[in-house]
């Protein structure tokens, strides 16, 4: 498991830690943001654009669109580097 520093501001809260766990046997990645009580799974086969759209739509339910976009872009980068 890797812990990444998001350092993204949402209202008066600084979202710091994003947890990324890669399960090579199941060929999927778990991404969690405990401060938002939010998580998602990503299959290795999932297309990049589909992943970004799905994550951003999910995050927009709990944070502003700007914050959701910034977090989505960072998560996409972290998942792709693994």
PDB file of N, CA and C in Angstrom:
ATOM      1  N   UNK A   1       0.842  -1.169   0.000  1.00  0.00           N
ATOM      2  CA  UNK A   1       0.000   0.000   0.000  1.00  0.00           C
ATOM      3  C   UNK A   1       0.888   1.232   0.000  1.00  0.00           C
ATOM      4  N   UNK A   2       0.468   2.210  -0.780  1.00  0.00           N
ATOM      5  CA  UNK A   2       1.194   3.467  -0.830  1.00  0.00           C
ATOM      6  C   UNK A   2       0.286   4.565  -0.293  1.00  0.00           C
ATOM      7  N   UNK A   3       0.877   5.492   0.413  1.00  0.00           N
ATOM      8  CA  UNK A   3       0.144   6.645   0.921  1.00  0.00           C
ATOM      9  C   UNK A   3       0.674   7.859   0.174  1.00  0.00           C
ATOM     10  N   UNK A   4      -0.218   8.503  -0.545  1.00  0.00           N
ATOM     11  CA  UNK A   4       0.158   9.674  -1.333  1.00  0.00           C
ATOM     12  C   UNK A   4      -0.370  10.939  -0.667  1.00  0.00           C
ATOM     13  N   UNK A   5       0.346  12.008  -0.819  1.00  0.00           N
ATOM     14  CA  UNK A   5      -0.062  13.298  -0.267  1.00  0.00           C
ATOM     15  C   UNK A   5      -0.803  14.081  -1.346  1.00  0.00           C
ATOM     16  N   UNK A   6      -2.100  14.248  -1.157  1.00  0.00           N
ATOM     17  CA  UNK A   6      -2.908  14.973  -2.138  1.00  0.00           C
ATOM     18  C   UNK A   6      -2.747  16.477  -1.961  1.00  0.00           C
ATOM     19  N   UNK A   7      -2.794  16.937  -0.698  1.00  0.00           N
ATOM     20  CA  UNK A   7      -2.705  18.365  -0.398  1.00  0.00           C
ATOM     21  C   UNK A   7      -3.661  19.191  -1.245  1.00  0.00           C
ATOM     22  N   UNK A   8      -4.922  18.791  -1.203  1.00  0.00           N
ATOM     23  CA  UNK A   8      -5.988  19.471  -1.929  1.00  0.00           C
ATOM     24  C   UNK A   8      -6.926  20.073  -0.895  1.00  0.00           C
ATOM     25  N   UNK A   9      -7.273  21.338  -1.079  1.00  0.00           N
ATOM     26  CA  UNK A   9      -8.147  22.018  -0.128  1.00  0.00           C
ATOM     27  C   UNK A   9      -9.601  21.875  -0.555  1.00  0.00           C
ATOM     28  N   UNK A  10     -10.429  21.489   0.427  1.00  0.00           N
ATOM     29  CA  UNK A  10     -11.887  21.403   0.240  1.00  0.00           C
ATOM     30  C   UNK A  10     -12.521  22.204   1.364  1.00  0.00           C
ATOM     31  N   UNK A  11     -13.111  23.336   1.005  1.00  0.00           N
ATOM     32  CA  UNK A  11     -13.663  24.271   1.982  1.00  0.00           C
ATOM     33  C   UNK A  11     -12.559  24.629   2.970  1.00  0.00           C
ATOM     34  N   UNK A  12     -12.714  24.301   4.258  1.00  0.00           N
ATOM     35  CA  UNK A  12     -11.693  24.665   5.247  1.00  0.00           C
ATOM     36  C   UNK A  12     -10.839  23.476   5.654  1.00  0.00           C
ATOM     37  N   UNK A  13     -10.915  22.396   4.882  1.00  0.00           N
ATOM     38  CA  UNK A  13     -10.207  21.167   5.222  1.00  0.00           C
ATOM     39  C   UNK A  13      -9.140  20.880   4.164  1.00  0.00           C
ATOM     40  N   UNK A  14      -7.971  20.478   4.613  1.00  0.00           N
ATOM     41  CA  UNK A  14      -6.902  20.067   3.704  1.00  0.00           C
ATOM     42  C   UNK A  14      -6.951  18.548   3.586  1.00  0.00           C
ATOM     43  N   UNK A  15      -7.271  18.058   2.398  1.00  0.00           N
ATOM     44  CA  UNK A  15      -7.289  16.616   2.148  1.00  0.00           C
ATOM     45  C   UNK A  15      -5.843  16.203   1.909  1.00  0.00           C
ATOM     46  N   UNK A  16      -5.322  15.403   2.830  1.00  0.00           N
ATOM     47  CA  UNK A  16      -3.910  15.068   2.764  1.00  0.00           C
ATOM     48  C   UNK A  16      -3.635  13.677   2.214  1.00  0.00           C
ATOM     49  N   UNK A  17      -4.053  12.646   2.909  1.00  0.00           N
ATOM     50  CA  UNK A  17      -3.654  11.288   2.558  1.00  0.00           C
ATOM     51  C   UNK A  17      -4.642  10.585   1.632  1.00  0.00           C
ATOM     52  N   UNK A  18      -4.093  10.006   0.583  1.00  0.00           N
ATOM     53  CA  UNK A  18      -4.848   9.137  -0.322  1.00  0.00           C
ATOM     54  C   UNK A  18      -4.118   7.797  -0.308  1.00  0.00           C
ATOM     55  N   UNK A  19      -4.838   6.733  -0.005  1.00  0.00           N
ATOM     56  CA  UNK A  19      -4.255   5.400   0.101  1.00  0.00           C
ATOM     57  C   UNK A  19      -4.499   4.636  -1.194  1.00  0.00           C
ATOM     58  N   UNK A  20      -3.437   4.083  -1.744  1.00  0.00           N
ATOM     59  CA  UNK A  20      -3.524   3.345  -3.001  1.00  0.00           C
ATOM     60  C   UNK A  20      -2.946   1.945  -2.761  1.00  0.00           C
ATOM     61  N   UNK A  21      -3.790   0.940  -2.943  1.00  0.00           N
ATOM     62  CA  UNK A  21      -3.374  -0.450  -2.747  1.00  0.00           C
ATOM     63  C   UNK A  21      -3.559  -1.209  -4.050  1.00  0.00           C
ATOM     64  N   UNK A  22      -2.480  -1.786  -4.552  1.00  0.00           N
ATOM     65  CA  UNK A  22      -2.527  -2.557  -5.784  1.00  0.00           C
ATOM     66  C   UNK A  22      -2.555  -4.046  -5.455  1.00  0.00           C
ATOM     67  N   UNK A  23      -3.585  -4.724  -5.932  1.00  0.00           N
ATOM     68  CA  UNK A  23      -3.728  -6.172  -5.750  1.00  0.00           C
ATOM     69  C   UNK A  23      -3.419  -6.825  -7.093  1.00  0.00           C
ATOM     70  N   UNK A  24      -2.184  -7.242  -7.266  1.00  0.00           N
ATOM     71  CA  UNK A  24      -1.754  -7.795  -8.553  1.00  0.00           C
ATOM     72  C   UNK A  24      -2.440  -9.122  -8.856  1.00  0.00           C
ATOM     73  N   UNK A  25      -2.727  -9.913  -7.842  1.00  0.00           N
ATOM     74  CA  UNK A  25      -3.378 -11.197  -8.057  1.00  0.00           C
ATOM     75  C   UNK A  25      -4.793 -11.018  -8.609  1.00  0.00           C
ATOM     76  N   UNK A  26      -5.535 -10.060  -8.046  1.00  0.00           N
ATOM     77  CA  UNK A  26      -6.906  -9.787  -8.496  1.00  0.00           C
ATOM     78  C   UNK A  26      -6.930  -8.792  -9.664  1.00  0.00           C
ATOM     79  N   UNK A  27      -5.784  -8.222  -9.996  1.00  0.00           N
ATOM     80  CA  UNK A  27      -5.632  -7.245 -11.067  1.00  0.00           C
ATOM     81  C   UNK A  27      -6.563  -6.052 -10.890  1.00  0.00           C
ATOM     82  N   UNK A  28      -6.467  -5.457  -9.700  1.00  0.00           N
ATOM     83  CA  UNK A  28      -7.254  -4.269  -9.425  1.00  0.00           C
ATOM     84  C   UNK A  28      -6.539  -3.399  -8.402  1.00  0.00           C
ATOM     85  N   UNK A  29      -6.978  -2.169  -8.309  1.00  0.00           N
ATOM     86  CA  UNK A  29      -6.384  -1.204  -7.398  1.00  0.00           C
ATOM     87  C   UNK A  29      -7.489  -0.588  -6.552  1.00  0.00           C
ATOM     88  N   UNK A  30      -7.227  -0.473  -5.261  1.00  0.00           N
ATOM     89  CA  UNK A  30      -8.141   0.174  -4.330  1.00  0.00           C
ATOM     90  C   UNK A  30      -7.595   1.557  -4.022  1.00  0.00           C
ATOM     91  N   UNK A  31      -8.456   2.562  -4.113  1.00  0.00           N
ATOM     92  CA  UNK A  31      -8.072   3.935  -3.789  1.00  0.00           C
ATOM     93  C   UNK A  31      -9.022   4.414  -2.700  1.00  0.00           C
ATOM     94  N   UNK A  32      -8.470   4.975  -1.622  1.00  0.00           N
ATOM     95  CA  UNK A  32      -9.307   5.435  -0.517  1.00  0.00           C
ATOM     96  C   UNK A  32      -8.861   6.803  -0.017  1.00  0.00           C
ATOM     97  N   UNK A  33      -9.863   7.626   0.319  1.00  0.00           N
ATOM     98  CA  UNK A  33      -9.626   8.936   0.914  1.00  0.00           C
ATOM     99  C   UNK A  33     -10.405   8.967   2.231  1.00  0.00           C
ATOM    100  N   UNK A  34      -9.771   8.548   3.326  1.00  0.00           N
ATOM    101  CA  UNK A  34     -10.476   8.457   4.601  1.00  0.00           C
ATOM    102  C   UNK A  34     -11.122   9.760   5.072  1.00  0.00           C
ATOM    103  N   UNK A  35     -10.493  10.882   4.826  1.00  0.00           N
ATOM    104  CA  UNK A  35     -11.048  12.165   5.258  1.00  0.00           C
ATOM    105  C   UNK A  35     -12.405  12.451   4.629  1.00  0.00           C
ATOM    106  N   UNK A  36     -12.642  11.885   3.458  1.00  0.00           N
ATOM    107  CA  UNK A  36     -13.926  12.076   2.774  1.00  0.00           C
ATOM    108  C   UNK A  36     -14.850  10.877   2.952  1.00  0.00           C
ATOM    109  N   UNK A  37     -14.346   9.845   3.632  1.00  0.00           N
ATOM    110  CA  UNK A  37     -15.065   8.574   3.749  1.00  0.00           C
ATOM    111  C   UNK A  37     -15.473   8.086   2.350  1.00  0.00           C
ATOM    112  N   UNK A  38     -14.458   8.033   1.452  1.00  0.00           N
ATOM    113  CA  UNK A  38     -14.682   7.708   0.048  1.00  0.00           C
ATOM    114  C   UNK A  38     -13.636   6.685  -0.393  1.00  0.00           C
ATOM    115  N   UNK A  39     -14.071   5.746  -1.230  1.00  0.00           N
ATOM    116  CA  UNK A  39     -13.131   4.786  -1.820  1.00  0.00           C
ATOM    117  C   UNK A  39     -13.705   4.249  -3.122  1.00  0.00           C
ATOM    118  N   UNK A  40     -12.832   3.652  -3.926  1.00  0.00           N
ATOM    119  CA  UNK A  40     -13.252   3.032  -5.178  1.00  0.00           C
ATOM    120  C   UNK A  40     -12.253   1.954  -5.563  1.00  0.00           C
ATOM    121  N   UNK A  41     -12.717   1.043  -6.413  1.00  0.00           N
ATOM    122  CA  UNK A  41     -11.860  -0.007  -6.965  1.00  0.00           C
ATOM    123  C   UNK A  41     -11.703   0.261  -8.460  1.00  0.00           C
ATOM    124  N   UNK A  42     -10.533  -0.070  -8.974  1.00  0.00           N
ATOM    125  CA  UNK A  42     -10.278   0.080 -10.400  1.00  0.00           C
ATOM    126  C   UNK A  42      -9.659  -1.196 -10.936  1.00  0.00           C
ATOM    127  N   UNK A  43     -10.273  -1.756 -11.941  1.00  0.00           N
ATOM    128  CA  UNK A  43      -9.750  -2.943 -12.603  1.00  0.00           C
ATOM    129  C   UNK A  43      -8.625  -2.531 -13.549  1.00  0.00           C
ATOM    130  N   UNK A  44      -7.678  -3.431 -13.763  1.00  0.00           N
ATOM    131  CA  UNK A  44      -6.597  -3.143 -14.712  1.00  0.00           C
ATOM    132  C   UNK A  44      -7.130  -2.894 -16.119  1.00  0.00           C
ATOM    133  N   UNK A  45      -8.267  -3.509 -16.462  1.00  0.00           N
ATOM    134  CA  UNK A  45      -8.820  -3.386 -17.809  1.00  0.00           C
ATOM    135  C   UNK A  45      -9.592  -2.089 -18.035  1.00  0.00           C
ATOM    136  N   UNK A  46      -9.910  -1.367 -16.975  1.00  0.00           N
ATOM    137  CA  UNK A  46     -10.736  -0.163 -17.121  1.00  0.00           C
ATOM    138  C   UNK A  46      -9.995   0.906 -17.924  1.00  0.00           C
ATOM    139  N   UNK A  47     -10.684   1.472 -18.876  1.00  0.00           N
ATOM    140  CA  UNK A  47     -10.104   2.528 -19.716  1.00  0.00           C
ATOM    141  C   UNK A  47      -9.819   3.775 -18.876  1.00  0.00           C
ATOM    142  N   UNK A  48      -8.792   4.498 -19.239  1.00  0.00           N
ATOM    143  CA  UNK A  48      -8.382   5.693 -18.500  1.00  0.00           C
ATOM    144  C   UNK A  48      -9.507   6.713 -18.429  1.00  0.00           C
ATOM    145  N   UNK A  49     -10.118   7.001 -19.569  1.00  0.00           N
ATOM    146  CA  UNK A  49     -11.172   8.023 -19.600  1.00  0.00           C
ATOM    147  C   UNK A  49     -12.392   7.587 -18.804  1.00  0.00           C
ATOM    148  N   UNK A  50     -12.737   6.317 -18.873  1.00  0.00           N
ATOM    149  CA  UNK A  50     -13.877   5.796 -18.105  1.00  0.00           C
ATOM    150  C   UNK A  50     -13.594   5.907 -16.609  1.00  0.00           C
ATOM    151  N   UNK A  51     -12.375   5.585 -16.216  1.00  0.00           N
ATOM    152  CA  UNK A  51     -11.978   5.699 -14.812  1.00  0.00           C
ATOM    153  C   UNK A  51     -12.085   7.135 -14.336  1.00  0.00           C
ATOM    154  N   UNK A  52     -11.517   8.057 -15.095  1.00  0.00           N
ATOM    155  CA  UNK A  52     -11.536   9.463 -14.703  1.00  0.00           C
ATOM    156  C   UNK A  52     -12.958   9.993 -14.590  1.00  0.00           C
ATOM    157  N   UNK A  53     -13.794   9.661 -15.547  1.00  0.00           N
ATOM    158  CA  UNK A  53     -15.191  10.128 -15.511  1.00  0.00           C
ATOM    159  C   UNK A  53     -15.922   9.568 -14.303  1.00  0.00           C
ATOM    160  N   UNK A  54     -15.769   8.287 -14.068  1.00  0.00           N
ATOM    161  CA  UNK A  54     -16.453   7.624 -12.953  1.00  0.00           C
ATOM    162  C   UNK A  54     -16.016   8.204 -11.611  1.00  0.00           C
ATOM    163  N   UNK A  55     -14.721   8.379 -11.434  1.00  0.00           N
ATOM    164  CA  UNK A  55     -14.194   8.899 -10.176  1.00  0.00           C
ATOM    165  C   UNK A  55     -14.629  10.348  -9.969  1.00  0.00           C
ATOM    166  N   UNK A  56     -14.529  11.150 -11.005  1.00  0.00           N
ATOM    167  CA  UNK A  56     -14.895  12.558 -10.862  1.00  0.00           C
ATOM    168  C   UNK A  56     -16.386  12.704 -10.531  1.00  0.00           C
ATOM    169  N   UNK A  57     -17.242  11.952 -11.204  1.00  0.00           N
ATOM    170  CA  UNK A  57     -18.676  12.009 -10.909  1.00  0.00           C
ATOM    171  C   UNK A  57     -18.957  11.602  -9.467  1.00  0.00           C
ATOM    172  N   UNK A  58     -18.283  10.581  -8.991  1.00  0.00           N
ATOM    173  CA  UNK A  58     -18.463  10.117  -7.617  1.00  0.00           C
ATOM    174  C   UNK A  58     -17.995  11.169  -6.612  1.00  0.00           C
ATOM    175  N   UNK A  59     -16.840  11.745  -6.860  1.00  0.00           N
ATOM    176  CA  UNK A  59     -16.300  12.750  -5.944  1.00  0.00           C
ATOM    177  C   UNK A  59     -17.134  14.023  -5.931  1.00  0.00           C
ATOM    178  N   UNK A  60     -17.719  14.379  -7.066  1.00  0.00           N
ATOM    179  CA  UNK A  60     -18.525  15.603  -7.141  1.00  0.00           C
ATOM    180  C   UNK A  60     -19.765  15.537  -6.256  1.00  0.00           C
ATOM    181  N   UNK A  61     -20.132  14.346  -5.813  1.00  0.00           N
ATOM    182  CA  UNK A  61     -21.269  14.206  -4.896  1.00  0.00           C
ATOM    183  C   UNK A  61     -20.914  14.687  -3.487  1.00  0.00           C
ATOM    184  N   UNK A  62     -19.609  14.762  -3.184  1.00  0.00           N
ATOM    185  CA  UNK A  62     -19.206  15.132  -1.825  1.00  0.00           C
ATOM    186  C   UNK A  62     -18.262  16.334  -1.744  1.00  0.00           C
ATOM    187  N   UNK A  63     -17.667  16.728  -2.870  1.00  0.00           N
ATOM    188  CA  UNK A  63     -16.795  17.908  -2.884  1.00  0.00           C
ATOM    189  C   UNK A  63     -17.141  18.764  -4.098  1.00  0.00           C
ATOM    190  N   UNK A  64     -16.554  19.938  -4.190  1.00  0.00           N
ATOM    191  CA  UNK A  64     -16.802  20.832  -5.320  1.00  0.00           C
ATOM    192  C   UNK A  64     -16.249  20.224  -6.613  1.00  0.00           C
ATOM    193  N   UNK A  65     -16.771  20.627  -7.764  1.00  0.00           N
ATOM    194  CA  UNK A  65     -16.258  20.110  -9.040  1.00  0.00           C
ATOM    195  C   UNK A  65     -14.761  20.359  -9.230  1.00  0.00           C
ATOM    196  N   UNK A  66     -14.276  21.501  -8.768  1.00  0.00           N
ATOM    197  CA  UNK A  66     -12.851  21.816  -8.910  1.00  0.00           C
ATOM    198  C   UNK A  66     -11.992  20.869  -8.077  1.00  0.00           C
ATOM    199  N   UNK A  67     -12.421  20.634  -6.849  1.00  0.00           N
ATOM    200  CA  UNK A  67     -11.699  19.712  -5.967  1.00  0.00           C
ATOM    201  C   UNK A  67     -11.745  18.299  -6.525  1.00  0.00           C
ATOM    202  N   UNK A  68     -12.910  17.904  -7.028  1.00  0.00           N
ATOM    203  CA  UNK A  68     -13.065  16.569  -7.616  1.00  0.00           C
ATOM    204  C   UNK A  68     -12.133  16.388  -8.805  1.00  0.00           C
ATOM    205  N   UNK A  69     -12.039  17.396  -9.641  1.00  0.00           N
ATOM    206  CA  UNK A  69     -11.161  17.307 -10.815  1.00  0.00           C
ATOM    207  C   UNK A  69      -9.695  17.201 -10.398  1.00  0.00           C
ATOM    208  N   UNK A  70      -9.294  18.004  -9.435  1.00  0.00           N
ATOM    209  CA  UNK A  70      -7.901  17.972  -8.983  1.00  0.00           C
ATOM    210  C   UNK A  70      -7.552  16.610  -8.364  1.00  0.00           C
ATOM    211  N   UNK A  71      -8.439  16.096  -7.517  1.00  0.00           N
ATOM    212  CA  UNK A  71      -8.204  14.785  -6.915  1.00  0.00           C
ATOM    213  C   UNK A  71      -8.185  13.685  -7.973  1.00  0.00           C
ATOM    214  N   UNK A  72      -9.113  13.748  -8.919  1.00  0.00           N
ATOM    215  CA  UNK A  72      -9.182  12.741  -9.986  1.00  0.00           C
ATOM    216  C   UNK A  72      -7.890  12.711 -10.784  1.00  0.00           C
ATOM    217  N   UNK A  73      -7.376  13.866 -11.147  1.00  0.00           N
ATOM    218  CA  UNK A  73      -6.134  13.922 -11.924  1.00  0.00           C
ATOM    219  C   UNK A  73      -4.953  13.347 -11.140  1.00  0.00           C
ATOM    220  N   UNK A  74      -4.889  13.645  -9.857  1.00  0.00           N
ATOM    221  CA  UNK A  74      -3.803  13.105  -9.035  1.00  0.00           C
ATOM    222  C   UNK A  74      -3.933  11.592  -8.887  1.00  0.00           C
ATOM    223  N   UNK A  75      -5.154  11.123  -8.639  1.00  0.00           N
ATOM    224  CA  UNK A  75      -5.370   9.674  -8.496  1.00  0.00           C
ATOM    225  C   UNK A  75      -5.009   8.940  -9.782  1.00  0.00           C
ATOM    226  N   UNK A  76      -5.411   9.498 -10.911  1.00  0.00           N
ATOM    227  CA  UNK A  76      -5.096   8.884 -12.194  1.00  0.00           C
ATOM    228  C   UNK A  76      -3.587   8.771 -12.369  1.00  0.00           C
ATOM    229  N   UNK A  77      -2.859   9.812 -12.043  1.00  0.00           N
ATOM    230  CA  UNK A  77      -1.404   9.794 -12.152  1.00  0.00           C
ATOM    231  C   UNK A  77      -0.804   8.708 -11.251  1.00  0.00           C
ATOM    232  N   UNK A  78      -1.261   8.644  -9.982  1.00  0.00           N
ATOM    233  CA  UNK A  78      -0.717   7.672  -9.037  1.00  0.00           C
ATOM    234  C   UNK A  78      -1.005   6.248  -9.464  1.00  0.00           C
ATOM    235  N   UNK A  79      -2.189   6.001  -9.989  1.00  0.00           N
ATOM    236  CA  UNK A  79      -2.552   4.642 -10.417  1.00  0.00           C
ATOM    237  C   UNK A  79      -1.714   4.246 -11.627  1.00  0.00           C
ATOM    238  N   UNK A  80      -1.508   5.150 -12.533  1.00  0.00           N
ATOM    239  CA  UNK A  80      -0.753   4.851 -13.766  1.00  0.00           C
ATOM    240  C   UNK A  80       0.726   4.649 -13.492  1.00  0.00           C
ATOM    241  N   UNK A  81       1.271   5.259 -12.436  1.00  0.00           N
ATOM    242  CA  UNK A  81       2.699   5.102 -12.149  1.00  0.00           C
ATOM    243  C   UNK A  81       3.009   3.757 -11.490  1.00  0.00           C
ATOM    244  N   UNK A  82       1.994   3.072 -10.980  1.00  0.00           N
ATOM    245  CA  UNK A  82       2.217   1.804 -10.281  1.00  0.00           C
ATOM    246  C   UNK A  82       2.428   0.685 -11.228  1.00  0.00           C
TER     247      UNK A  82
END
